[in-house]
Amino acid sequence: MLEVELKLEVSEAAAEQLKASPLLAGEHDCSALRAIYFDTPDRAVVDAGFSLRIRSKGEQRTQTIKADGPASVGLFMRSEWEMPVNDTVPVLDHATPLAALLGDRAEQVAPVFEVDVERCTWMLHEDDAEIEVVLDRGQVHAGGRGELICELELELKSGEPAALFAFARKLDTLAPVRIGVLSKSERGYRLTRPSQSSYKAEAVKLDPEASAAAAFQAIAQSCLRQFRLNEALLVEHRHAKPLHQARVALRRLRSAFSLFKGLYAQDARAAALREDLRALAGTLGEARNLDVLLGRASQGDLRARLQIAREEAYSHVEDALDAPWSRSLMLDLMEWLTDGGWLKEASTQDARDEPVRDFAARALDRARRKVKKGGRHLARLDDHARHELRKDAKKLRYDSEFFAGLYDRKRSRRRHKRFIAALEDLQDQLGLLNDLATAPEEIRKLGLEDVPEAQALLGHDTKPHLIKAAAEAHEGLVDAKRFWR
């Protein structure tokens, strides 16, 4: 069975509002569910891309094995194997894929974590579609740690995916809903590992036989997932690390739009989405700039004033993330990626169908040539030209990470590692130069021109050394072998 569902995260207060709303006023069923998730000590099940659980509802027990595809956002499409069982001991026979996968290790399968929720279910109609709406509230717990769960799942039983998004928007007019990115099994496994302060970009799993369009969808969804994971941490803690990684996720997403622009031609919806992403990234960028300045400021009046400005900037970030337009942006983006008109446009059919390996090789060659050319005589470039080179280097870095999974032979992996190391070196030096170039404007906007300590942030004495280091890093990148050739 292939399930298509839209996962949404809500607060407890929002769940109560929605449950009491006219949208969910119809007949529904509520029941208590307990699920035990199993794996081997070395996590062979999850590492192979599966989850294994036994769920109890009253006296009824059901075993479910799910093949979780590449990490995605919001819209989940997965294969699953389900069967009734007599107790809480997994049945791993040859009717399931895990028997062959685990072999003798099947005997090592044991409970890893549990999920206890109250599940309320409605069967609703939206236009010509039938949608099952599930509200789960409860907790996942493992090894003495726990995490609250409050989420909605909209599963399409019949009709078009657009109906899921139309209904989600109706829900959001009543109470805030956000695209969900974590399955319950992911939540449980996270509890078995140390807590993270932020989330860097995950490796994008691309099928070498996939089309360019399928690659674009997978890459963009990976960027959205990174953003949502860090958005939650940012709102909760107001720390610099999740803010930086949320901003990186938006930059990667915008870079993906640029990279694959030939696939969606002059799609007006794409242009509007890109503009909204740019606006959101700009708000995060203001706070990030203050974090950078704070990292270089010494104790005293300057630091105190920067800290006040930083708190105000973070409040603006929180306001933007909580605004209806930014929540709608994520829903609109997810719908456009998975069911947008660009997927049916005849004029770009050939571009969408191009094998991803062919597309990747051309894109990487083009991006590398731009960085190579832009960095010639780097020591003589002005601040603006170095900034443009920095942006081009970032795009090459993102492209190299997007397509890394397509080149998994030992030599290619070795070359990729060295290529990325050379790119990181160049980016680091150009980033430091950019911080120096933008510092005067930031100081002016904050009204700190007359503060003596602020002059130390301009770094005039370090600039020549950074320019020399950047030029050497550029030479190292040019000499690095291309992992895609």
Protein backbone atom coordinates (compact mmCIF):
# COMPACT_ATOMS: atom_id res chain seq x y z
CA MET A 1 0.00 0.00 0.00
CA LEU A 2 1.26 3.50 -0.84
CA GLU A 3 0.15 6.19 1.58
CA VAL A 4 0.12 9.90 0.79
CA GLU A 5 -0.24 12.15 3.79
CA LEU A 6 0.46 15.71 4.81
CA LYS A 7 1.90 16.02 8.30
CA LEU A 8 1.28 19.20 10.28
CA GLU A 9 2.62 20.26 13.67
CA VAL A 10 0.33 22.16 16.04
CA SER A 11 0.50 23.39 19.63
CA GLU A 12 -1.74 21.96 22.33
CA ALA A 13 -3.76 25.19 22.34
CA ALA A 14 -4.13 25.05 18.54
CA ALA A 15 -5.23 21.41 18.74
CA GLU A 16 -7.99 22.35 21.17
CA GLN A 17 -9.13 25.20 18.90
CA LEU A 18 -9.21 22.97 15.84
CA LYS A 19 -10.98 20.15 17.60
CA ALA A 20 -13.71 22.57 18.67
CA SER A 21 -13.98 24.20 15.23
CA PRO A 22 -16.72 23.63 12.61
CA LEU A 23 -14.14 21.98 10.35
CA LEU A 24 -13.85 19.05 12.76
CA ALA A 25 -17.39 19.12 14.09
CA GLY A 26 -18.42 15.85 12.47
CA GLU A 27 -18.42 12.35 13.90
CA HIS A 28 -15.05 11.07 14.97
CA ASP A 29 -13.45 8.28 16.91
CA CYS A 30 -10.91 8.68 19.72
CA SER A 31 -8.80 5.88 21.17
CA ALA A 32 -5.60 5.29 23.12
CA LEU A 33 -2.70 3.81 21.14
CA ARG A 34 0.61 2.44 22.32
CA ALA A 35 3.37 1.60 19.85
CA ILE A 36 6.65 -0.14 20.59
CA TYR A 37 9.46 0.40 18.07
CA PHE A 38 12.10 -2.27 17.60
CA ASP A 39 15.63 -2.42 16.23
CA THR A 40 18.91 -4.26 16.65
CA PRO A 41 21.60 -2.92 19.03
CA ASP A 42 23.56 -1.58 16.04
CA ARG A 43 20.40 0.02 14.56
CA ALA A 44 20.38 -2.13 11.42
CA VAL A 45 16.67 -1.50 10.79
CA VAL A 46 16.71 2.30 10.78
CA ASP A 47 20.08 2.43 9.00
CA ALA A 48 18.56 0.44 6.16
CA GLY A 49 15.71 2.96 5.87
CA PHE A 50 12.97 1.03 7.68
CA SER A 51 10.98 1.29 10.87
CA LEU A 52 9.45 -1.64 12.76
CA ARG A 53 6.67 -1.24 15.31
CA ILE A 54 3.89 -3.11 17.04
CA ARG A 55 0.90 -0.93 17.89
CA SER A 56 -1.68 -1.86 20.51
CA LYS A 57 -5.28 -0.63 20.44
CA GLY A 58 -7.21 -2.30 23.21
CA GLU A 59 -6.63 -6.04 22.76
CA GLN A 60 -5.72 -5.65 19.09
CA ARG A 61 -2.05 -5.64 18.07
CA THR A 62 -0.73 -4.76 14.62
CA GLN A 63 2.83 -5.00 13.34
CA THR A 64 3.87 -2.41 10.75
CA ILE A 65 7.09 -2.16 8.77
CA LYS A 66 7.57 1.06 6.85
CA ALA A 67 10.14 1.81 4.19
CA ASP A 68 10.93 5.43 4.88
CA GLY A 69 12.19 7.01 1.69
CA PRO A 70 14.69 9.86 1.48
CA ALA A 71 14.14 12.35 4.30
CA SER A 72 11.31 14.57 3.14
CA VAL A 73 9.12 17.33 4.36
CA GLY A 74 5.40 17.41 5.01
CA LEU A 75 4.23 15.12 2.26
CA PHE A 76 5.09 11.50 3.07
CA MET A 77 4.83 8.73 0.47
CA ARG A 78 5.93 5.35 1.83
CA SER A 79 5.51 1.65 1.27
CA GLU A 80 4.42 -0.40 4.25
CA TRP A 81 3.80 -3.98 5.32
CA GLU A 82 1.12 -4.55 7.95
CA MET A 83 -0.12 -7.68 9.71
CA PRO A 84 -1.94 -8.65 12.91
CA VAL A 85 0.19 -10.24 15.65
CA ASN A 86 -0.67 -12.01 18.89
CA ASP A 87 1.73 -10.21 21.24
CA THR A 88 4.54 -7.66 21.35
CA VAL A 89 7.15 -9.92 19.75
CA PRO A 90 7.91 -8.99 16.11
CA VAL A 91 7.20 -11.57 13.39
CA LEU A 92 10.00 -11.29 10.85
CA ASP A 93 9.18 -13.92 8.26
CA HIS A 94 9.74 -13.79 4.51
CA ALA A 95 6.51 -11.88 3.98
CA THR A 96 8.45 -8.82 5.15
CA PRO A 97 11.64 -7.26 3.72
CA LEU A 98 13.40 -7.37 7.10
CA ALA A 99 13.90 -11.14 7.15
CA ALA A 100 16.39 -11.04 4.28
CA LEU A 101 17.86 -7.74 5.42
CA LEU A 102 18.67 -8.81 8.97
CA GLY A 103 19.40 -12.51 8.52
CA ASP A 104 20.68 -13.93 11.82
CA ARG A 105 20.50 -10.49 13.43
CA ALA A 106 16.71 -10.77 13.48
CA GLU A 107 17.10 -12.54 16.82
CA GLN A 108 18.71 -9.38 18.25
CA VAL A 109 15.69 -7.18 17.57
CA ALA A 110 14.49 -5.57 20.82
CA PRO A 111 12.38 -2.56 21.97
CA VAL A 112 14.06 0.84 21.51
CA PHE A 113 11.32 3.33 22.42
CA GLU A 114 7.55 3.66 22.90
CA VAL A 115 4.91 6.08 21.67
CA ASP A 116 1.70 6.69 23.63
CA VAL A 117 -0.95 8.91 22.05
CA GLU A 118 -4.63 9.67 22.07
CA ARG A 119 -5.73 9.45 18.45
CA CYS A 120 -8.86 11.13 17.15
CA THR A 121 -9.92 10.37 13.57
CA TRP A 122 -12.33 12.11 11.18
CA MET A 123 -13.30 11.14 7.63
CA LEU A 124 -14.03 14.33 5.68
CA HIS A 125 -14.71 15.46 2.12
CA GLU A 126 -12.91 18.39 0.49
CA ASP A 127 -14.24 19.15 -3.00
CA ASP A 128 -14.05 15.76 -4.77
CA ALA A 129 -11.49 14.30 -2.37
CA GLU A 130 -11.89 12.11 0.66
CA ILE A 131 -9.46 12.93 3.46
CA GLU A 132 -8.78 11.12 6.68
CA VAL A 133 -7.82 13.60 9.40
CA VAL A 134 -5.89 12.22 12.37
CA LEU A 135 -5.01 14.22 15.49
CA ASP A 136 -2.36 12.59 17.69
CA ARG A 137 -1.54 13.95 21.13
CA GLY A 138 0.79 12.21 23.55
CA GLN A 139 4.44 11.42 24.13
CA VAL A 140 7.35 9.42 22.81
CA HIS A 141 9.72 8.14 25.47
CA ALA A 142 13.03 6.26 25.52
CA GLY A 143 15.57 5.61 28.25
CA GLY A 144 14.08 8.05 30.73
CA ARG A 145 13.72 10.86 28.17
CA GLY A 146 10.49 12.05 26.64
CA GLU A 147 9.10 14.40 24.01
CA LEU A 148 5.54 15.65 23.57
CA ILE A 149 3.71 14.92 20.32
CA CYS A 150 0.91 17.09 18.95
CA GLU A 151 0.38 16.66 15.24
CA LEU A 152 -2.20 16.34 12.49
CA GLU A 153 -1.98 13.95 9.58
CA LEU A 154 -4.14 14.50 6.51
CA GLU A 155 -4.22 11.30 4.48
CA LEU A 156 -5.61 11.33 0.97
CA LYS A 157 -8.02 8.44 0.49
CA SER A 158 -9.24 9.56 -2.93
CA GLY A 159 -8.90 12.65 -5.08
CA GLU A 160 -6.05 15.03 -5.84
CA PRO A 161 -3.19 16.13 -3.51
CA ALA A 162 -4.30 19.75 -3.88
CA ALA A 163 -7.20 18.93 -1.58
CA LEU A 164 -4.80 18.19 1.28
CA PHE A 165 -3.27 21.66 0.99
CA ALA A 166 -6.65 23.37 0.59
CA PHE A 167 -7.84 21.79 3.82
CA ALA A 168 -4.56 22.60 5.60
CA ARG A 169 -5.03 26.27 4.70
CA LYS A 170 -8.53 26.21 6.14
CA LEU A 171 -7.12 24.79 9.37
CA ASP A 172 -4.45 27.51 9.48
CA THR A 173 -7.07 30.26 9.34
CA LEU A 174 -8.42 28.90 12.64
CA ALA A 175 -5.17 28.06 14.44
CA PRO A 176 -1.48 28.04 13.40
CA VAL A 177 -0.31 24.86 11.66
CA ARG A 178 3.19 24.16 10.35
CA ILE A 179 4.62 21.59 7.97
CA GLY A 180 5.81 18.58 9.96
CA VAL A 181 9.13 16.97 9.13
CA LEU A 182 9.59 14.24 11.73
CA SER A 183 7.93 10.86 11.80
CA LYS A 184 7.25 9.32 15.17
CA SER A 185 10.05 6.85 14.61
CA GLU A 186 12.48 9.73 13.97
CA ARG A 187 11.36 11.40 17.19
CA GLY A 188 12.01 8.22 19.11
CA TYR A 189 15.44 7.58 17.64
CA ARG A 190 16.40 11.19 18.40
CA LEU A 191 15.76 10.51 22.09
CA THR A 192 18.31 7.70 22.02
CA ARG A 193 21.03 10.13 20.91
CA PRO A 194 22.49 13.30 22.45
CA SER A 195 20.43 16.46 21.95
CA GLN A 196 21.43 18.71 19.06
CA SER A 197 21.80 22.49 19.25
CA SER A 198 21.23 22.87 15.48
CA TYR A 199 20.84 20.79 12.34
CA LYS A 200 23.24 20.95 9.43
CA ALA A 201 22.22 19.90 5.94
CA GLU A 202 21.68 16.17 5.56
CA ALA A 203 23.02 14.21 2.63
CA VAL A 204 20.48 14.26 -0.20
CA LYS A 205 19.56 10.77 -1.34
CA LEU A 206 19.26 10.87 -5.11
CA ASP A 207 18.49 7.95 -7.39
CA PRO A 208 21.16 7.96 -10.16
CA GLU A 209 18.42 6.95 -12.59
CA ALA A 210 16.11 9.79 -11.53
CA SER A 211 15.08 12.73 -13.68
CA ALA A 212 16.21 16.29 -13.09
CA ALA A 213 12.69 17.14 -11.88
CA ALA A 214 12.72 14.36 -9.27
CA ALA A 215 16.16 15.54 -8.12
CA PHE A 216 14.89 19.11 -7.74
CA GLN A 217 11.98 17.90 -5.62
CA ALA A 218 14.23 15.81 -3.37
CA ILE A 219 16.79 18.60 -2.95
CA ALA A 220 14.21 21.28 -2.21
CA GLN A 221 12.42 19.05 0.31
CA SER A 222 15.73 18.37 2.03
CA CYS A 223 16.29 22.13 2.35
CA LEU A 224 12.79 22.60 3.76
CA ARG A 225 13.39 19.86 6.28
CA GLN A 226 16.61 21.52 7.45
CA PHE A 227 14.80 24.84 7.81
CA ARG A 228 11.91 23.42 9.84
CA LEU A 229 14.20 21.48 12.19
CA ASN A 230 16.18 24.62 12.97
CA GLU A 231 13.13 26.88 13.08
CA ALA A 232 11.76 24.90 16.01
CA LEU A 233 15.05 25.19 17.93
CA LEU A 234 15.39 28.88 17.07
CA VAL A 235 11.96 29.77 18.43
CA GLU A 236 12.55 27.74 21.57
CA HIS A 237 16.09 28.92 22.43
CA ARG A 238 16.91 32.08 20.38
CA HIS A 239 20.44 30.76 19.87
CA ALA A 240 22.85 31.74 17.10
CA LYS A 241 23.48 28.20 15.80
CA PRO A 242 19.91 27.29 14.77
CA LEU A 243 19.42 30.78 13.36
CA HIS A 244 22.53 30.34 11.20
CA GLN A 245 21.49 26.89 10.01
CA ALA A 246 17.91 28.04 9.28
CA ARG A 247 19.40 30.80 7.16
CA VAL A 248 21.71 28.31 5.44
CA ALA A 249 18.67 26.15 4.65
CA LEU A 250 16.93 29.08 2.98
CA ARG A 251 20.08 29.95 1.02
CA ARG A 252 20.39 26.35 -0.14
CA LEU A 253 16.74 26.35 -1.18
CA ARG A 254 17.10 29.58 -3.14
CA SER A 255 20.24 28.18 -4.76
CA ALA A 256 18.29 25.07 -5.79
CA PHE A 257 15.65 27.27 -7.43
CA SER A 258 18.39 29.02 -9.38
CA LEU A 259 20.12 25.77 -10.29
CA PHE A 260 16.95 24.17 -11.69
CA LYS A 261 15.31 27.29 -13.17
CA GLY A 262 15.28 25.74 -16.64
CA LEU A 263 12.78 23.16 -15.40
CA TYR A 264 10.00 25.60 -14.54
CA ALA A 265 10.59 28.31 -17.20
CA GLN A 266 8.71 31.54 -16.45
CA ASP A 267 6.39 30.07 -13.84
CA ALA A 268 4.84 33.06 -12.06
CA ARG A 269 4.20 31.05 -8.91
CA ALA A 270 7.89 30.18 -8.67
CA ALA A 271 8.84 33.86 -8.91
CA ALA A 272 6.50 34.74 -6.03
CA LEU A 273 7.82 31.90 -3.89
CA ARG A 274 11.42 32.94 -4.49
CA GLU A 275 10.63 36.53 -3.51
CA ASP A 276 9.00 35.43 -0.25
CA LEU A 277 11.99 33.19 0.52
CA ARG A 278 14.30 36.14 -0.11
CA ALA A 279 12.31 38.31 2.29
CA LEU A 280 12.37 35.67 5.03
CA ALA A 281 16.09 35.07 4.56
CA GLY A 282 16.69 38.82 4.81
CA THR A 283 15.00 38.98 8.21
CA LEU A 284 17.16 36.13 9.49
CA GLY A 285 20.20 37.81 7.95
CA GLU A 286 19.78 40.95 10.07
CA ALA A 287 19.95 38.89 13.24
CA ARG A 288 22.86 36.86 11.92
CA ASN A 289 24.87 40.02 11.20
CA LEU A 290 24.49 41.07 14.83
CA ASP A 291 25.60 37.64 16.02
CA VAL A 292 28.76 38.07 13.94
CA LEU A 293 29.47 41.51 15.39
CA LEU A 294 28.84 40.26 18.93
CA GLY A 295 31.33 37.47 18.38
CA ARG A 296 34.03 40.05 17.69
CA ALA A 297 33.06 42.69 20.29
CA SER A 298 34.79 42.90 23.65
CA GLN A 299 32.98 43.43 26.93
CA GLY A 300 31.73 46.93 27.67
CA ASP A 301 29.23 49.47 26.40
CA LEU A 302 29.56 48.39 22.76
CA ARG A 303 28.76 44.78 23.53
CA ALA A 304 25.81 45.77 25.73
CA ARG A 305 24.32 47.90 22.97
CA LEU A 306 24.88 45.18 20.39
CA GLN A 307 23.16 42.69 22.68
CA ILE A 308 20.08 44.93 22.92
CA ALA A 309 19.99 45.27 19.12
CA ARG A 310 20.42 41.52 18.77
CA GLU A 311 17.44 40.77 21.04
CA GLU A 312 15.31 43.16 19.00
CA ALA A 313 16.41 41.50 15.76
CA TYR A 314 15.55 38.06 17.14
CA SER A 315 12.11 39.35 18.09
CA HIS A 316 11.64 40.44 14.47
CA VAL A 317 12.66 36.94 13.39
CA GLU A 318 10.11 35.35 15.72
CA ASP A 319 7.40 37.71 14.45
CA ALA A 320 8.21 36.75 10.86
CA LEU A 321 8.21 33.02 11.60
CA ASP A 322 4.88 33.32 13.44
CA ALA A 323 3.25 35.42 10.72
CA PRO A 324 0.51 33.78 8.62
CA TRP A 325 2.41 34.62 5.41
CA SER A 326 5.48 32.60 6.39
CA ARG A 327 3.40 29.58 7.44
CA SER A 328 1.50 29.86 4.18
CA LEU A 329 4.80 30.12 2.31
CA MET A 330 5.88 26.68 3.50
CA LEU A 331 2.53 25.12 2.52
CA ASP A 332 2.55 26.88 -0.85
CA LEU A 333 6.10 25.81 -1.53
CA MET A 334 5.42 22.20 -0.63
CA GLU A 335 2.34 22.11 -2.84
CA TRP A 336 4.16 23.72 -5.77
CA LEU A 337 7.02 21.25 -5.52
CA THR A 338 4.81 18.19 -5.42
CA ASP A 339 1.79 19.18 -7.52
CA GLY A 340 2.60 22.49 -9.23
CA GLY A 341 1.74 23.43 -12.78
CA TRP A 342 5.44 23.33 -13.73
CA LEU A 343 5.26 19.53 -13.63
CA LYS A 344 2.78 19.55 -16.52
CA GLU A 345 4.27 22.33 -18.68
CA ALA A 346 4.96 20.96 -22.17
CA SER A 347 7.69 23.47 -23.04
CA THR A 348 9.97 22.23 -20.24
CA GLN A 349 9.17 18.52 -20.49
CA ASP A 350 12.57 17.61 -21.97
CA ALA A 351 14.41 19.59 -19.30
CA ARG A 352 12.45 17.90 -16.51
CA ASP A 353 13.06 14.45 -17.98
CA GLU A 354 16.82 14.87 -18.43
CA PRO A 355 18.77 12.22 -16.46
CA VAL A 356 20.04 13.78 -13.26
CA ARG A 357 23.63 12.63 -13.80
CA ASP A 358 23.80 14.52 -17.09
CA PHE A 359 22.21 17.56 -15.53
CA ALA A 360 24.57 17.45 -12.53
CA ALA A 361 27.77 17.21 -14.58
CA ARG A 362 26.84 20.23 -16.71
CA ALA A 363 25.73 22.26 -13.69
CA LEU A 364 28.89 21.53 -11.71
CA ASP A 365 31.14 22.35 -14.67
CA ARG A 366 29.33 25.64 -15.17
CA ALA A 367 29.48 26.63 -11.50
CA ARG A 368 33.18 25.75 -11.23
CA ARG A 369 34.05 27.79 -14.32
CA LYS A 370 32.29 30.82 -12.83
CA VAL A 371 34.25 30.59 -9.57
CA LYS A 372 37.53 29.97 -11.42
CA LYS A 373 37.03 33.00 -13.65
CA GLY A 374 35.67 35.26 -10.90
CA GLY A 375 38.66 34.64 -8.64
CA ARG A 376 41.38 35.54 -11.12
CA HIS A 377 43.60 38.29 -9.74
CA LEU A 378 41.62 38.05 -6.49
CA ALA A 379 44.00 40.38 -4.64
CA ARG A 380 43.03 43.20 -7.00
CA LEU A 381 39.26 42.77 -6.67
CA ASP A 382 37.16 45.32 -4.80
CA ASP A 383 34.74 44.40 -2.00
CA HIS A 384 31.78 44.07 -4.37
CA ALA A 385 33.61 41.70 -6.74
CA ARG A 386 34.80 39.57 -3.81
CA HIS A 387 31.22 39.45 -2.53
CA GLU A 388 30.02 38.18 -5.90
CA LEU A 389 32.78 35.56 -5.89
CA ARG A 390 31.71 34.53 -2.40
CA LYS A 391 28.13 34.01 -3.58
CA ASP A 392 29.30 31.97 -6.57
CA ALA A 393 31.50 29.85 -4.30
CA LYS A 394 28.50 29.17 -2.06
CA LYS A 395 26.43 28.04 -5.03
CA LEU A 396 29.23 25.70 -6.12
CA ARG A 397 29.40 24.33 -2.58
CA TYR A 398 25.65 23.73 -2.44
CA ASP A 399 25.61 22.13 -5.90
CA SER A 400 28.51 19.87 -4.89
CA GLU A 401 26.62 18.75 -1.78
CA PHE A 402 23.29 18.33 -3.60
CA PHE A 403 24.79 15.90 -6.13
CA ALA A 404 27.40 14.15 -3.98
CA GLY A 405 25.30 10.99 -3.67
CA LEU A 406 25.45 10.43 -7.42
CA TYR A 407 29.21 9.88 -7.25
CA ASP A 408 29.71 7.16 -4.66
CA ARG A 409 32.68 5.28 -6.04
CA LYS A 410 35.72 5.32 -3.81
CA ARG A 411 37.76 7.65 -6.04
CA SER A 412 34.82 10.03 -6.45
CA ARG A 413 34.22 10.16 -2.69
CA ARG A 414 37.89 10.89 -2.07
CA ARG A 415 37.91 13.65 -4.67
CA HIS A 416 34.66 15.07 -3.31
CA LYS A 417 36.12 15.32 0.18
CA ARG A 418 39.17 17.21 -1.08
CA PHE A 419 37.08 19.44 -3.34
CA ILE A 420 34.75 20.42 -0.50
CA ALA A 421 37.72 21.07 1.81
CA ALA A 422 39.21 23.46 -0.76
CA LEU A 423 35.83 25.16 -1.20
CA GLU A 424 35.40 25.54 2.57
CA ASP A 425 38.80 27.20 2.83
CA LEU A 426 37.88 29.71 0.12
CA GLN A 427 34.46 30.35 1.64
CA ASP A 428 35.93 30.92 5.11
CA GLN A 429 38.38 33.55 3.88
CA LEU A 430 35.81 35.30 1.69
CA GLY A 431 33.31 35.19 4.54
CA LEU A 432 35.72 36.95 6.90
CA LEU A 433 36.40 39.59 4.24
CA ASN A 434 32.66 40.06 3.75
CA ASP A 435 32.18 40.53 7.49
CA LEU A 436 34.76 43.32 7.40
CA ALA A 437 33.10 44.89 4.34
CA THR A 438 29.63 44.93 5.91
CA ALA A 439 30.72 46.01 9.41
CA PRO A 440 30.74 49.80 8.68
CA GLU A 441 27.13 49.71 7.39
CA GLU A 442 25.97 47.66 10.38
CA ILE A 443 27.69 50.08 12.77
CA ARG A 444 26.09 53.03 10.98
CA LYS A 445 22.60 51.49 11.14
CA LEU A 446 23.03 50.94 14.87
CA GLY A 447 24.24 54.50 15.42
CA LEU A 448 27.58 53.37 16.85
CA GLU A 449 29.95 55.41 14.67
CA ASP A 450 31.10 57.49 17.65
CA VAL A 451 31.76 54.51 19.93
CA PRO A 452 35.57 54.06 20.03
CA GLU A 453 35.35 50.30 20.55
CA ALA A 454 33.34 49.96 17.33
CA GLN A 455 36.35 50.93 15.22
CA ALA A 456 38.05 47.69 16.28
CA LEU A 457 35.32 45.77 14.42
CA LEU A 458 36.43 47.23 11.10
CA GLY A 459 39.58 45.09 11.09
CA HIS A 460 41.66 47.26 8.78
CA ASP A 461 44.86 45.63 10.00
CA THR A 462 43.71 42.09 9.19
CA LYS A 463 42.31 42.71 5.70
CA PRO A 464 45.58 42.33 3.74
CA HIS A 465 46.28 38.97 5.39
CA LEU A 466 42.76 37.75 4.62
CA ILE A 467 43.04 38.79 0.97
CA LYS A 468 46.30 36.87 0.63
CA ALA A 469 44.78 33.79 2.29
CA ALA A 470 41.72 34.00 0.01
CA ALA A 471 43.91 34.15 -3.10
CA GLU A 472 45.83 31.08 -1.96
CA ALA A 473 42.58 29.26 -1.21
CA HIS A 474 41.28 30.07 -4.69
CA GLU A 475 44.41 28.56 -6.23
CA GLY A 476 43.89 25.43 -4.13
CA LEU A 477 40.31 25.09 -5.38
CA VAL A 478 41.31 25.49 -9.01
CA ASP A 479 43.90 22.75 -8.57
CA ALA A 480 41.44 20.35 -6.86
CA LYS A 481 40.28 17.49 -9.11
CA ARG A 482 36.63 17.45 -10.11
CA PHE A 483 34.84 14.59 -8.36
CA TRP A 484 32.15 14.40 -11.05
CA ARG A 485 34.57 13.69 -13.89
